[in-house]
Amino acid sequence: MEILRADFPFISLSMILPVVASVFVLALREELSKWIALLGTGLTFLLSLVVVFSFDYSKSGSVQFYEEYTILQELGVKLSLGLDGLSLLMYFLTTLISLVAILWSIRDEQISFRLKEYYVAFLLTETFLVGVFASFDLLVFYVFYELTLIPMLFVIGVWGYKLRLYSAYKFFIYIFFSSLFLLLGIAGVAVEHFFDFGRFSFSYFDALKNSYSLGLEIFLFLLFFIAFAVKTPIVPFHTWLPDAHGEAPTAGSVVLAAILLKMGTYALLRFNVGLFPNATYELMPMLITLGILTIIYASWMTIVQNNVKRFVAYSSVSHMGFVVTAMFLLNEEGLRASIIEMFAHGMTSASLFMIAGFIYHRLHTFNMESLRGSLRFMPLFAVVVATTAFAAMGLPGGSSFWGKFLTVLSAKEYSYYLAFLVLVGAFFSAAYVLYMLKTLFLDFREESILIHFQDVRGFKLSAFVAVIIPILLIGFFPHIFFNMFEGSIDFFLKLFEGLM
C-alpha cells in the first residue's frame, strides 16, 4: 500500500478535539455540558468534511494523511494513523453519528442527571472510534477497540432502561472476552513476522508481508474472526445485541448500531480478508453460509418482536448479514455492496432508533401494539419514518438498495441458488419493515389519545435531517460514495489473484 504523509495532523486533531471538549465539560458548570459537547462534536465533524474534500480520490487505495509516532521501539509499536478509502468512509460516519447523538441528547427527557459524565462518555467514544478506523498498527487498534467498551458500558448501565445493568454487563462480557482471541491473534501475527524478518512488528503494512502455512493462517483467521463475529454480530454470536440496544438510551443505541457494529465488519474486511487471503478463500463457503443464516434468522426474529427497540435491533443483525455475505463473496460487486451497506445501515439504523426513542417519549412505551396509528397527527415525523423505512427495505432511491442489489448481482456470479437465498433475505427485510409501517400508519387508534402529540422539531429534527440527507444521497447519487473506496476494493481483489 502506498503511504502519503500528512502535511497537517488532521486525524490526531480529530481525536484531540473531543478530549479537549471533555476537559471543558468536567471543568465548567453542568448546565454547559451539552453545549460544549455539541461544539466539540460539531468542530470534529467540520474537520472531517475538510478531510473528505481534501482526500485524493484518484489514489483511494493509498493511505493518506498518514501520521506516525513511536510508542515502544523495542517491540515496534507505533501510533500509525491514516485513511484509505475504506477508513475514510468509516471516519466520516463516526464524526457524523457522534454529532447526531449529541443533537438528540440535548432535548432527550431521559438524560436529566449526571450530564457531565454522560457527555464525556460520548466524546471519548468518538475519540476511540476515530482511533479504531484510522489505526494501522494492530496493537494500537486493539487498544482503541477495547477502550470503546468502557464509555458505552456506563452509557447503558447508568442512563438505560429497566434492565440496564444486566444488559451493560452482558455487553461488556461478550465483547471483552471475545477480544481476548483478537489479542492472541495479533500476538501470533507479530511472532510470525519475527520468524520471517527477525524483528517484532505490529504494523499492518509489515503484517501484509508475512507468509504462513495454510493451517496457521486458518488458525489466526479464526482467532480474529471470533472477536469480530461477536462485535458485528453474526448469528449465533448475536445474543448480546438485542439486550444492549433494547436497554440503552436512544443516543446510545444510535452509536451502538450505526458505528460500533461497523467496527466488526470493518475489521473483518481490513484484517481477516486483508491479512489472511488464503484462509478466507478456503473458508468462503462457511462464511457465506453464516451470512445467509444471519439474514434469514434475524429477519424472522425481527417480525415476531413486540418491543420496537428490539425490533430495530434484530433488523440491524439482519442487515449485518447482508454485509458479511457480500464481503465473503470476494468479487468486485460483493465488496462494493458490503462497504456501501456498512455506511447505509449506519444512517438507517440511527434514524430507526431515533424514531423508536421519539415515539417512546410520546407514548412512554416500546410495545408495538401500543404504537398503532401513532403517526396520524405528526405529518413531518411521518415523512421521516416513511423515508427511513423505505430506505431500510432496499427500495430504489433508498440507501440500502445498492447494498442489497449488488449483493444479489455478486451472488449470481456463483450460482442462481445463492442469489435466490439473498433475494429471500431481502424479501423478509421488506416484510418486517412493511409490518412496522402498517402498525404505525394504518392501524386504528382513538384520536383523543393522540391529540396532545407534538410533531418533531428543534434539535431532534436536526438530528433526523443529518441522517436523512445521506440516506437520499446514497440512494440517488451512489457514485459519490463508490468513488471513495474503489481503490480499496482493487487492493483487496489483488490479494486473491490466482486463487479465484
Protein backbone atom coordinates (compact mmCIF):
# COMPACT_ATOMS: atom_id res chain seq x y z
CA MET A 1 0.00 0.00 0.00
CA GLU A 2 1.27 3.45 -0.90
CA ILE A 3 1.64 5.79 2.10
CA LEU A 4 1.17 9.56 1.71
CA ARG A 5 2.38 11.58 4.68
CA ALA A 6 0.18 14.29 6.20
CA ASP A 7 1.03 17.96 5.77
CA PHE A 8 -1.32 18.69 8.66
CA PRO A 9 -2.29 16.31 11.52
CA PHE A 10 -5.98 16.04 10.62
CA ILE A 11 -6.54 12.64 12.22
CA SER A 12 -4.77 13.25 15.51
CA LEU A 13 -6.57 16.59 15.77
CA SER A 14 -9.87 14.76 15.20
CA MET A 15 -9.01 12.61 18.21
CA ILE A 16 -7.80 15.51 20.36
CA LEU A 17 -10.80 17.81 19.85
CA PRO A 18 -13.33 15.56 21.68
CA VAL A 19 -10.82 15.01 24.51
CA VAL A 20 -10.34 18.78 24.91
CA ALA A 21 -14.13 19.20 24.90
CA SER A 22 -14.32 16.54 27.64
CA VAL A 23 -11.88 18.50 29.79
CA PHE A 24 -14.03 21.62 29.45
CA VAL A 25 -17.17 19.62 30.25
CA LEU A 26 -15.59 18.43 33.50
CA ALA A 27 -14.19 21.85 34.40
CA LEU A 28 -17.24 24.04 33.76
CA ARG A 29 -20.81 24.09 35.08
CA GLU A 30 -23.01 21.07 34.42
CA GLU A 31 -25.65 23.04 32.53
CA LEU A 32 -22.99 23.92 29.93
CA SER A 33 -22.10 20.26 29.27
CA LYS A 34 -24.46 19.71 26.37
CA TRP A 35 -23.34 22.86 24.56
CA ILE A 36 -19.64 22.10 24.98
CA ALA A 37 -20.22 18.56 23.71
CA LEU A 38 -22.17 19.94 20.75
CA LEU A 39 -19.33 22.35 19.97
CA GLY A 40 -16.70 19.60 20.27
CA THR A 41 -18.51 17.10 18.03
CA GLY A 42 -19.50 19.90 15.63
CA LEU A 43 -15.90 21.05 15.16
CA THR A 44 -14.74 17.46 14.71
CA PHE A 45 -17.42 16.91 12.05
CA LEU A 46 -16.36 20.08 10.23
CA LEU A 47 -12.77 18.87 10.33
CA SER A 48 -13.87 15.55 8.84
CA LEU A 49 -15.55 17.44 6.00
CA VAL A 50 -12.23 19.17 5.29
CA VAL A 51 -10.58 15.73 5.18
CA VAL A 52 -13.27 14.34 2.86
CA PHE A 53 -12.84 17.21 0.41
CA SER A 54 -9.02 17.12 0.67
CA PHE A 55 -8.77 13.38 0.04
CA ASP A 56 -7.20 12.38 -3.30
CA TYR A 57 -9.82 10.00 -4.73
CA SER A 58 -7.60 9.04 -7.66
CA LYS A 59 -5.44 7.29 -5.03
CA SER A 60 -8.18 5.95 -2.77
CA GLY A 61 -6.27 2.70 -2.32
CA SER A 62 -3.34 4.54 -0.75
CA VAL A 63 -3.12 5.56 2.92
CA GLN A 64 -3.36 9.35 3.07
CA PHE A 65 -2.93 11.93 5.88
CA TYR A 66 -0.50 9.44 7.43
CA GLU A 67 0.99 10.20 10.85
CA GLU A 68 3.38 8.01 12.80
CA TYR A 69 4.56 8.32 16.41
CA THR A 70 6.74 5.71 18.13
CA ILE A 71 5.30 4.28 21.35
CA LEU A 72 7.53 1.27 22.14
CA GLN A 73 10.54 1.00 19.87
CA GLU A 74 11.73 -2.40 21.16
CA LEU A 75 8.52 -4.11 20.02
CA GLY A 76 7.90 -1.88 17.03
CA VAL A 77 4.66 -0.44 18.45
CA LYS A 78 3.71 2.87 16.79
CA LEU A 79 0.73 5.16 16.71
CA SER A 80 0.20 4.82 12.96
CA LEU A 81 -2.77 6.86 11.78
CA GLY A 82 -4.00 7.21 8.22
CA LEU A 83 -7.01 6.93 5.93
CA ASP A 84 -7.53 4.94 2.78
CA GLY A 85 -10.93 4.95 1.05
CA LEU A 86 -12.41 2.35 3.41
CA SER A 87 -11.18 4.12 6.55
CA LEU A 88 -12.30 7.50 5.21
CA LEU A 89 -15.91 6.36 4.91
CA MET A 90 -15.93 4.94 8.44
CA TYR A 91 -14.18 8.04 9.81
CA PHE A 92 -16.83 10.29 8.28
CA LEU A 93 -19.59 8.01 9.60
CA THR A 94 -18.09 8.29 13.10
CA THR A 95 -17.96 12.09 13.18
CA LEU A 96 -21.44 12.47 11.69
CA ILE A 97 -23.18 9.99 14.01
CA SER A 98 -21.34 11.37 17.07
CA LEU A 99 -22.77 14.81 16.24
CA VAL A 100 -26.24 13.30 15.69
CA ALA A 101 -26.09 11.55 19.09
CA ILE A 102 -25.31 14.82 20.86
CA LEU A 103 -28.00 16.71 18.93
CA TRP A 104 -30.54 14.11 20.02
CA SER A 105 -29.40 14.10 23.65
CA ILE A 106 -29.84 17.86 24.13
CA ARG A 107 -33.63 17.52 24.31
CA ASP A 108 -33.84 13.91 25.45
CA GLU A 109 -36.03 13.87 28.58
CA GLN A 110 -34.31 10.73 29.84
CA ILE A 111 -30.91 12.48 30.06
CA SER A 112 -31.60 14.67 33.09
CA PHE A 113 -28.87 13.74 35.57
CA ARG A 114 -25.07 13.31 35.68
CA LEU A 115 -24.79 15.30 32.48
CA LYS A 116 -21.03 15.74 32.71
CA GLU A 117 -20.36 12.01 32.79
CA TYR A 118 -22.88 11.38 30.01
CA TYR A 119 -21.39 13.81 27.52
CA VAL A 120 -17.81 12.89 28.40
CA ALA A 121 -18.69 9.25 27.62
CA PHE A 122 -19.84 10.16 24.11
CA LEU A 123 -16.90 12.48 23.45
CA LEU A 124 -14.37 9.83 24.49
CA THR A 125 -16.21 7.23 22.43
CA GLU A 126 -15.75 9.43 19.37
CA THR A 127 -12.00 9.70 20.01
CA PHE A 128 -11.63 5.94 20.44
CA LEU A 129 -13.69 5.21 17.32
CA VAL A 130 -11.57 7.51 15.16
CA GLY A 131 -8.56 5.63 16.54
CA VAL A 132 -10.12 2.29 15.57
CA PHE A 133 -10.80 3.26 11.96
CA ALA A 134 -7.56 5.19 11.40
CA SER A 135 -5.04 2.86 13.12
CA PHE A 136 -2.61 0.85 11.01
CA ASP A 137 -0.84 -0.72 13.98
CA LEU A 138 -2.55 -3.90 15.17
CA LEU A 139 -1.77 -3.45 18.85
CA VAL A 140 -2.89 0.19 18.88
CA PHE A 141 -6.04 -0.86 17.01
CA TYR A 142 -6.71 -3.43 19.75
CA VAL A 143 -6.30 -0.80 22.49
CA PHE A 144 -8.78 1.58 20.86
CA TYR A 145 -11.10 -1.35 20.05
CA GLU A 146 -11.22 -2.27 23.75
CA LEU A 147 -11.45 1.32 25.00
CA THR A 148 -14.78 1.81 23.18
CA LEU A 149 -16.27 -0.70 25.63
CA ILE A 150 -15.80 1.45 28.72
CA PRO A 151 -17.88 4.57 27.95
CA MET A 152 -20.66 2.51 26.33
CA LEU A 153 -20.77 0.26 29.40
CA PHE A 154 -21.60 3.31 31.54
CA VAL A 155 -23.99 4.82 28.98
CA ILE A 156 -26.08 1.62 29.03
CA GLY A 157 -25.68 0.90 32.75
CA VAL A 158 -26.39 4.41 34.09
CA TRP A 159 -28.82 6.03 31.63
CA GLY A 160 -30.51 2.92 30.20
CA TYR A 161 -33.94 1.47 30.89
CA LYS A 162 -35.19 -1.09 33.40
CA LEU A 163 -32.74 -3.95 32.69
CA ARG A 164 -29.80 -1.64 32.04
CA LEU A 165 -27.31 -3.25 34.46
CA TYR A 166 -27.89 -6.77 33.15
CA SER A 167 -27.58 -5.55 29.54
CA ALA A 168 -24.46 -3.49 30.27
CA TYR A 169 -22.68 -6.41 31.94
CA LYS A 170 -23.69 -8.79 29.16
CA PHE A 171 -22.43 -6.33 26.52
CA PHE A 172 -19.11 -5.93 28.32
CA ILE A 173 -18.53 -9.63 29.00
CA TYR A 174 -19.31 -10.72 25.42
CA ILE A 175 -17.10 -8.12 23.77
CA PHE A 176 -14.25 -8.20 26.29
CA PHE A 177 -13.80 -11.97 26.36
CA SER A 178 -14.17 -12.36 22.60
CA SER A 179 -11.50 -9.68 22.18
CA LEU A 180 -9.00 -11.88 24.02
CA PHE A 181 -8.98 -14.10 20.92
CA LEU A 182 -8.10 -10.99 18.90
CA LEU A 183 -5.19 -10.20 21.22
CA LEU A 184 -3.87 -13.76 20.85
CA GLY A 185 -4.19 -13.48 17.07
CA ILE A 186 -2.32 -10.17 16.99
CA ALA A 187 0.49 -11.72 19.06
CA GLY A 188 0.61 -14.60 16.58
CA VAL A 189 0.96 -12.23 13.64
CA ALA A 190 3.79 -10.33 15.39
CA VAL A 191 5.64 -13.56 16.27
CA GLU A 192 5.32 -14.82 12.70
CA HIS A 193 6.80 -11.54 11.49
CA PHE A 194 9.72 -12.07 13.90
CA PHE A 195 10.32 -15.56 12.46
CA ASP A 196 10.18 -14.21 8.90
CA PHE A 197 12.14 -10.97 9.28
CA GLY A 198 13.99 -11.15 12.62
CA ARG A 199 12.11 -8.35 14.39
CA PHE A 200 8.77 -7.81 16.08
CA SER A 201 6.31 -5.52 14.37
CA PHE A 202 2.61 -4.83 14.84
CA SER A 203 2.41 -2.69 11.70
CA TYR A 204 -0.41 -3.60 9.32
CA PHE A 205 1.90 -2.89 6.39
CA ASP A 206 4.52 -5.29 7.76
CA ALA A 207 1.88 -7.93 8.54
CA LEU A 208 0.88 -7.92 4.85
CA LYS A 209 4.37 -9.30 4.07
CA ASN A 210 4.07 -12.30 6.40
CA SER A 211 3.95 -15.81 4.97
CA TYR A 212 2.03 -18.56 6.77
CA SER A 213 1.37 -22.24 6.34
CA LEU A 214 -2.28 -22.78 5.45
CA GLY A 215 -3.04 -24.39 8.82
CA LEU A 216 -1.53 -21.49 10.78
CA GLU A 217 -3.27 -18.93 8.59
CA ILE A 218 -6.67 -20.56 9.17
CA PHE A 219 -5.97 -20.69 12.92
CA LEU A 220 -5.08 -16.98 13.04
CA PHE A 221 -8.07 -16.15 10.82
CA LEU A 222 -10.41 -17.87 13.28
CA LEU A 223 -8.90 -16.03 16.26
CA PHE A 224 -9.59 -12.69 14.58
CA PHE A 225 -12.96 -13.90 13.29
CA ILE A 226 -14.36 -14.85 16.70
CA ALA A 227 -13.77 -11.35 18.06
CA PHE A 228 -15.21 -9.58 15.03
CA ALA A 229 -18.14 -12.00 14.60
CA VAL A 230 -19.30 -11.15 18.15
CA LYS A 231 -18.87 -7.43 17.50
CA THR A 232 -20.68 -7.45 14.12
CA PRO A 233 -22.68 -9.56 15.32
CA ILE A 234 -23.09 -12.72 13.24
CA VAL A 235 -25.56 -15.45 14.26
CA PRO A 236 -25.03 -17.31 16.62
CA PHE A 237 -22.78 -14.69 18.30
CA HIS A 238 -25.53 -12.06 18.36
CA THR A 239 -27.41 -12.56 21.64
CA TRP A 240 -25.86 -9.59 23.46
CA LEU A 241 -27.12 -7.08 20.90
CA PRO A 242 -30.94 -7.07 21.43
CA ASP A 243 -30.43 -6.61 25.18
CA ALA A 244 -27.84 -3.83 24.79
CA HIS A 245 -29.92 -1.98 22.19
CA GLY A 246 -33.19 -2.59 23.99
CA GLU A 247 -32.00 -1.07 27.27
CA ALA A 248 -29.61 1.67 26.08
CA PRO A 249 -30.78 5.29 25.92
CA THR A 250 -31.65 6.44 22.40
CA ALA A 251 -28.31 8.12 21.66
CA GLY A 252 -26.50 5.06 22.99
CA SER A 253 -28.46 2.79 20.64
CA VAL A 254 -27.68 5.16 17.77
CA VAL A 255 -23.92 4.97 18.35
CA LEU A 256 -24.01 1.22 19.01
CA ALA A 257 -25.90 0.36 15.82
CA ALA A 258 -24.51 2.98 13.48
CA ILE A 259 -20.80 2.83 14.41
CA LEU A 260 -19.85 0.14 16.93
CA LEU A 261 -21.30 -2.69 14.83
CA LYS A 262 -19.27 -1.39 11.87
CA MET A 263 -16.11 -1.91 13.90
CA GLY A 264 -16.76 -5.63 13.43
CA THR A 265 -17.47 -5.58 9.69
CA TYR A 266 -14.69 -3.06 9.01
CA ALA A 267 -12.20 -5.24 10.91
CA LEU A 268 -13.36 -8.41 9.11
CA LEU A 269 -12.52 -6.76 5.81
CA ARG A 270 -9.38 -4.93 6.91
CA PHE A 271 -7.77 -7.76 8.91
CA ASN A 272 -9.38 -11.12 8.11
CA VAL A 273 -9.65 -10.57 4.37
CA GLY A 274 -6.58 -8.30 4.14
CA LEU A 275 -4.12 -10.34 6.19
CA PHE A 276 -5.34 -13.91 5.58
CA PRO A 277 -6.49 -14.21 1.93
CA ASN A 278 -5.72 -17.94 1.62
CA ALA A 279 -7.69 -18.79 4.76
CA THR A 280 -10.52 -16.51 3.61
CA TYR A 281 -10.70 -18.34 0.30
CA GLU A 282 -10.68 -21.77 1.96
CA LEU A 283 -13.39 -20.81 4.46
CA MET A 284 -15.51 -18.83 1.98
CA PRO A 285 -18.44 -21.35 1.77
CA MET A 286 -18.76 -21.47 5.57
CA LEU A 287 -18.59 -17.67 5.88
CA ILE A 288 -21.23 -17.10 3.19
CA THR A 289 -23.47 -19.67 4.89
CA LEU A 290 -23.15 -17.80 8.19
CA GLY A 291 -24.06 -14.56 6.41
CA ILE A 292 -27.19 -16.07 4.82
CA LEU A 293 -28.17 -17.66 8.14
CA THR A 294 -27.80 -14.29 9.86
CA ILE A 295 -30.03 -12.57 7.30
CA ILE A 296 -32.87 -15.09 7.47
CA TYR A 297 -32.78 -15.94 11.19
CA ALA A 298 -32.59 -12.29 12.29
CA SER A 299 -35.40 -11.35 9.88
CA TRP A 300 -37.67 -13.98 11.44
CA MET A 301 -36.77 -12.77 14.91
CA THR A 302 -37.49 -9.18 13.86
CA ILE A 303 -41.02 -9.96 12.68
CA VAL A 304 -42.06 -11.56 15.99
CA GLN A 305 -40.83 -8.75 18.26
CA ASN A 306 -43.36 -6.75 20.31
CA ASN A 307 -40.75 -4.25 21.55
CA VAL A 308 -39.97 -1.66 18.88
CA LYS A 309 -36.34 -1.21 20.02
CA ARG A 310 -35.68 -4.95 19.91
CA PHE A 311 -37.45 -4.92 16.53
CA VAL A 312 -34.88 -2.43 15.22
CA ALA A 313 -32.04 -4.29 16.97
CA TYR A 314 -32.79 -7.58 15.24
CA SER A 315 -33.20 -5.78 11.93
CA SER A 316 -29.64 -4.49 12.43
CA VAL A 317 -28.39 -8.07 12.81
CA SER A 318 -30.15 -8.96 9.56
CA HIS A 319 -28.50 -6.07 7.71
CA MET A 320 -25.11 -7.11 9.04
CA GLY A 321 -25.83 -10.49 7.43
CA PHE A 322 -26.00 -8.77 4.05
CA VAL A 323 -22.67 -7.04 4.74
CA VAL A 324 -20.95 -10.31 5.69
CA THR A 325 -22.44 -12.30 2.81
CA ALA A 326 -21.41 -9.72 0.22
CA MET A 327 -17.93 -9.33 1.72
CA PHE A 328 -17.04 -13.01 1.57
CA LEU A 329 -18.28 -13.47 -1.99
CA LEU A 330 -14.83 -11.98 -2.73
CA ASN A 331 -15.65 -10.29 -6.02
CA GLU A 332 -15.84 -6.64 -7.01
CA GLU A 333 -19.59 -6.20 -6.73
CA GLY A 334 -19.68 -8.05 -3.41
CA LEU A 335 -17.02 -5.85 -1.82
CA ARG A 336 -18.71 -2.74 -3.18
CA ALA A 337 -22.05 -3.91 -1.75
CA SER A 338 -20.52 -4.73 1.61
CA ILE A 339 -18.82 -1.36 2.09
CA ILE A 340 -21.72 0.79 0.89
CA GLU A 341 -24.14 -1.19 3.09
CA MET A 342 -21.95 -0.53 6.15
CA PHE A 343 -22.42 3.19 5.65
CA ALA A 344 -26.06 2.95 4.53
CA HIS A 345 -27.03 0.89 7.56
CA GLY A 346 -25.26 3.41 9.78
CA MET A 347 -27.69 6.06 8.55
CA THR A 348 -30.90 4.00 8.57
CA SER A 349 -30.25 2.33 11.94
CA ALA A 350 -29.51 5.71 13.55
CA SER A 351 -32.78 7.08 12.20
CA LEU A 352 -34.79 3.99 13.22
CA PHE A 353 -33.55 4.13 16.81
CA MET A 354 -34.31 7.84 16.99
CA ILE A 355 -37.80 7.07 15.67
CA ALA A 356 -38.23 4.50 18.45
CA GLY A 357 -36.96 6.99 21.04
CA PHE A 358 -39.23 9.75 19.78
CA ILE A 359 -42.30 7.53 19.96
CA TYR A 360 -41.33 6.34 23.44
CA HIS A 361 -41.21 9.89 24.77
CA ARG A 362 -44.66 10.49 23.32
CA LEU A 363 -46.32 7.25 24.47
CA HIS A 364 -43.89 6.04 27.19
CA THR A 365 -43.86 2.51 25.79
CA PHE A 366 -41.94 0.44 23.26
CA ASN A 367 -44.78 -2.06 22.84
CA MET A 368 -45.72 -2.41 19.16
CA GLU A 369 -49.43 -2.85 19.94
CA SER A 370 -49.46 0.46 21.81
CA LEU A 371 -47.99 2.27 18.81
CA ARG A 372 -50.92 1.58 16.49
CA GLY A 373 -51.75 4.58 14.35
CA SER A 374 -49.38 6.79 16.32
CA LEU A 375 -48.24 8.84 13.30
CA ARG A 376 -51.66 10.10 12.28
CA PHE A 377 -51.20 13.58 13.76
CA MET A 378 -47.45 14.03 13.18
CA PRO A 379 -47.06 14.61 9.42
CA LEU A 380 -43.42 15.76 9.48
CA PHE A 381 -42.40 12.84 11.64
CA ALA A 382 -44.40 10.54 9.35
CA VAL A 383 -42.29 11.68 6.38
CA VAL A 384 -39.11 10.89 8.33
CA VAL A 385 -40.43 7.43 9.23
CA ALA A 386 -41.50 6.65 5.67
CA THR A 387 -38.21 7.83 4.15
CA THR A 388 -36.17 5.79 6.62
CA ALA A 389 -38.33 2.69 6.32
CA PHE A 390 -38.36 2.63 2.52
CA ALA A 391 -34.58 3.10 2.53
CA ALA A 392 -34.14 0.23 5.00
CA MET A 393 -36.34 -2.00 2.82
CA GLY A 394 -33.95 -1.55 -0.08
CA LEU A 395 -36.32 0.23 -2.43
CA PRO A 396 -34.71 2.16 -5.34
CA GLY A 397 -33.79 5.66 -4.20
CA GLY A 398 -33.05 4.48 -0.67
CA SER A 399 -29.63 3.92 0.82
CA SER A 400 -29.86 0.13 1.28
CA PHE A 401 -30.96 -0.51 -2.31
CA TRP A 402 -27.42 -0.60 -3.65
CA GLY A 403 -26.14 -2.91 -0.94
CA LYS A 404 -28.91 -5.47 -1.50
CA PHE A 405 -29.00 -5.15 -5.30
CA LEU A 406 -25.23 -5.51 -5.68
CA THR A 407 -25.21 -8.45 -3.26
CA VAL A 408 -27.71 -10.27 -5.50
CA LEU A 409 -25.59 -9.50 -8.58
CA SER A 410 -22.48 -10.66 -6.78
CA ALA A 411 -24.13 -13.90 -5.62
CA LYS A 412 -25.36 -14.61 -9.17
CA GLU A 413 -21.73 -14.91 -10.30
CA TYR A 414 -21.53 -18.12 -8.25
CA SER A 415 -25.00 -19.61 -8.58
CA TYR A 416 -28.62 -18.65 -9.07
CA TYR A 417 -29.44 -20.67 -5.95
CA LEU A 418 -27.24 -18.41 -3.84
CA ALA A 419 -28.75 -15.31 -5.46
CA PHE A 420 -32.22 -16.71 -4.67
CA LEU A 421 -31.31 -17.08 -0.98
CA VAL A 422 -30.16 -13.44 -0.88
CA LEU A 423 -33.45 -12.41 -2.53
CA VAL A 424 -35.37 -14.37 0.11
CA GLY A 425 -33.48 -12.44 2.79
CA ALA A 426 -34.32 -9.16 1.04
CA PHE A 427 -38.00 -10.22 0.93
CA PHE A 428 -38.02 -10.79 4.69
CA SER A 429 -36.44 -7.34 5.18
CA ALA A 430 -39.26 -5.79 3.21
CA ALA A 431 -41.85 -7.83 5.14
CA TYR A 432 -40.85 -6.71 8.62
CA VAL A 433 -40.48 -3.06 7.59
CA LEU A 434 -43.93 -3.10 5.97
CA TYR A 435 -45.33 -4.62 9.17
CA MET A 436 -43.85 -1.72 11.16
CA LEU A 437 -45.26 0.85 8.71
CA LYS A 438 -48.68 -0.78 8.81
CA THR A 439 -48.65 -0.65 12.63
CA LEU A 440 -47.60 3.00 12.80
CA PHE A 441 -49.63 4.42 9.93
CA LEU A 442 -52.69 2.30 9.25
CA ASP A 443 -53.89 0.63 12.43
CA PHE A 444 -56.73 2.37 14.25
CA ARG A 445 -56.16 4.47 17.34
CA GLU A 446 -58.54 6.83 19.10
CA GLU A 447 -57.94 10.44 18.15
CA SER A 448 -58.30 11.64 21.75
CA ILE A 449 -55.22 9.70 22.81
CA LEU A 450 -53.03 11.44 20.21
CA ILE A 451 -54.41 14.96 20.35
CA HIS A 452 -51.65 16.12 22.73
CA PHE A 453 -48.85 14.95 20.41
CA GLN A 454 -46.38 17.49 19.04
CA ASP A 455 -44.62 16.90 15.74
CA VAL A 456 -40.83 16.54 15.64
CA ARG A 457 -38.94 19.83 15.80
CA GLY A 458 -35.82 21.60 17.08
CA PHE A 459 -32.69 19.58 17.84
CA LYS A 460 -34.46 16.26 17.25
CA LEU A 461 -35.50 17.38 13.78
CA SER A 462 -31.91 18.49 13.12
CA ALA A 463 -30.68 15.02 14.13
CA PHE A 464 -33.13 13.40 11.70
CA VAL A 465 -32.17 15.75 8.86
CA ALA A 466 -28.48 14.97 9.42
CA VAL A 467 -29.08 11.29 8.62
CA ILE A 468 -31.89 11.62 6.07
CA ILE A 469 -29.70 13.70 3.71
CA PRO A 470 -27.01 10.97 3.39
CA ILE A 471 -29.75 8.33 3.03
CA LEU A 472 -31.09 10.14 -0.03
CA LEU A 473 -27.62 10.94 -1.38
CA ILE A 474 -26.61 7.26 -1.31
CA GLY A 475 -29.86 6.27 -2.96
CA PHE A 476 -29.79 8.77 -5.82
CA PHE A 477 -26.06 9.53 -6.20
CA PRO A 478 -24.22 6.34 -5.16
CA HIS A 479 -21.19 7.14 -7.34
CA ILE A 480 -20.22 9.87 -4.85
CA PHE A 481 -19.63 7.18 -2.23
CA PHE A 482 -18.32 4.48 -4.57
CA ASN A 483 -15.52 6.83 -5.63
CA MET A 484 -14.33 6.93 -2.03
CA PHE A 485 -13.34 3.28 -1.83
CA GLU A 486 -12.77 1.97 -5.36
CA GLY A 487 -9.01 1.92 -4.75
CA SER A 488 -9.50 -0.08 -1.55
CA ILE A 489 -11.58 -2.65 -3.44
CA ASP A 490 -8.78 -3.01 -6.00
CA PHE A 491 -6.30 -3.60 -3.17
CA PHE A 492 -8.36 -6.42 -1.67
CA LEU A 493 -9.09 -8.03 -5.04
CA LYS A 494 -5.37 -8.20 -5.87
CA LEU A 495 -4.86 -10.37 -2.79
CA PHE A 496 -6.98 -13.09 -4.44
CA GLU A 497 -5.38 -13.08 -7.85
CA GLY A 498 -4.51 -16.67 -8.68
CA LEU A 499 -6.88 -18.04 -6.03
CA MET A 500 -10.28 -17.39 -7.57
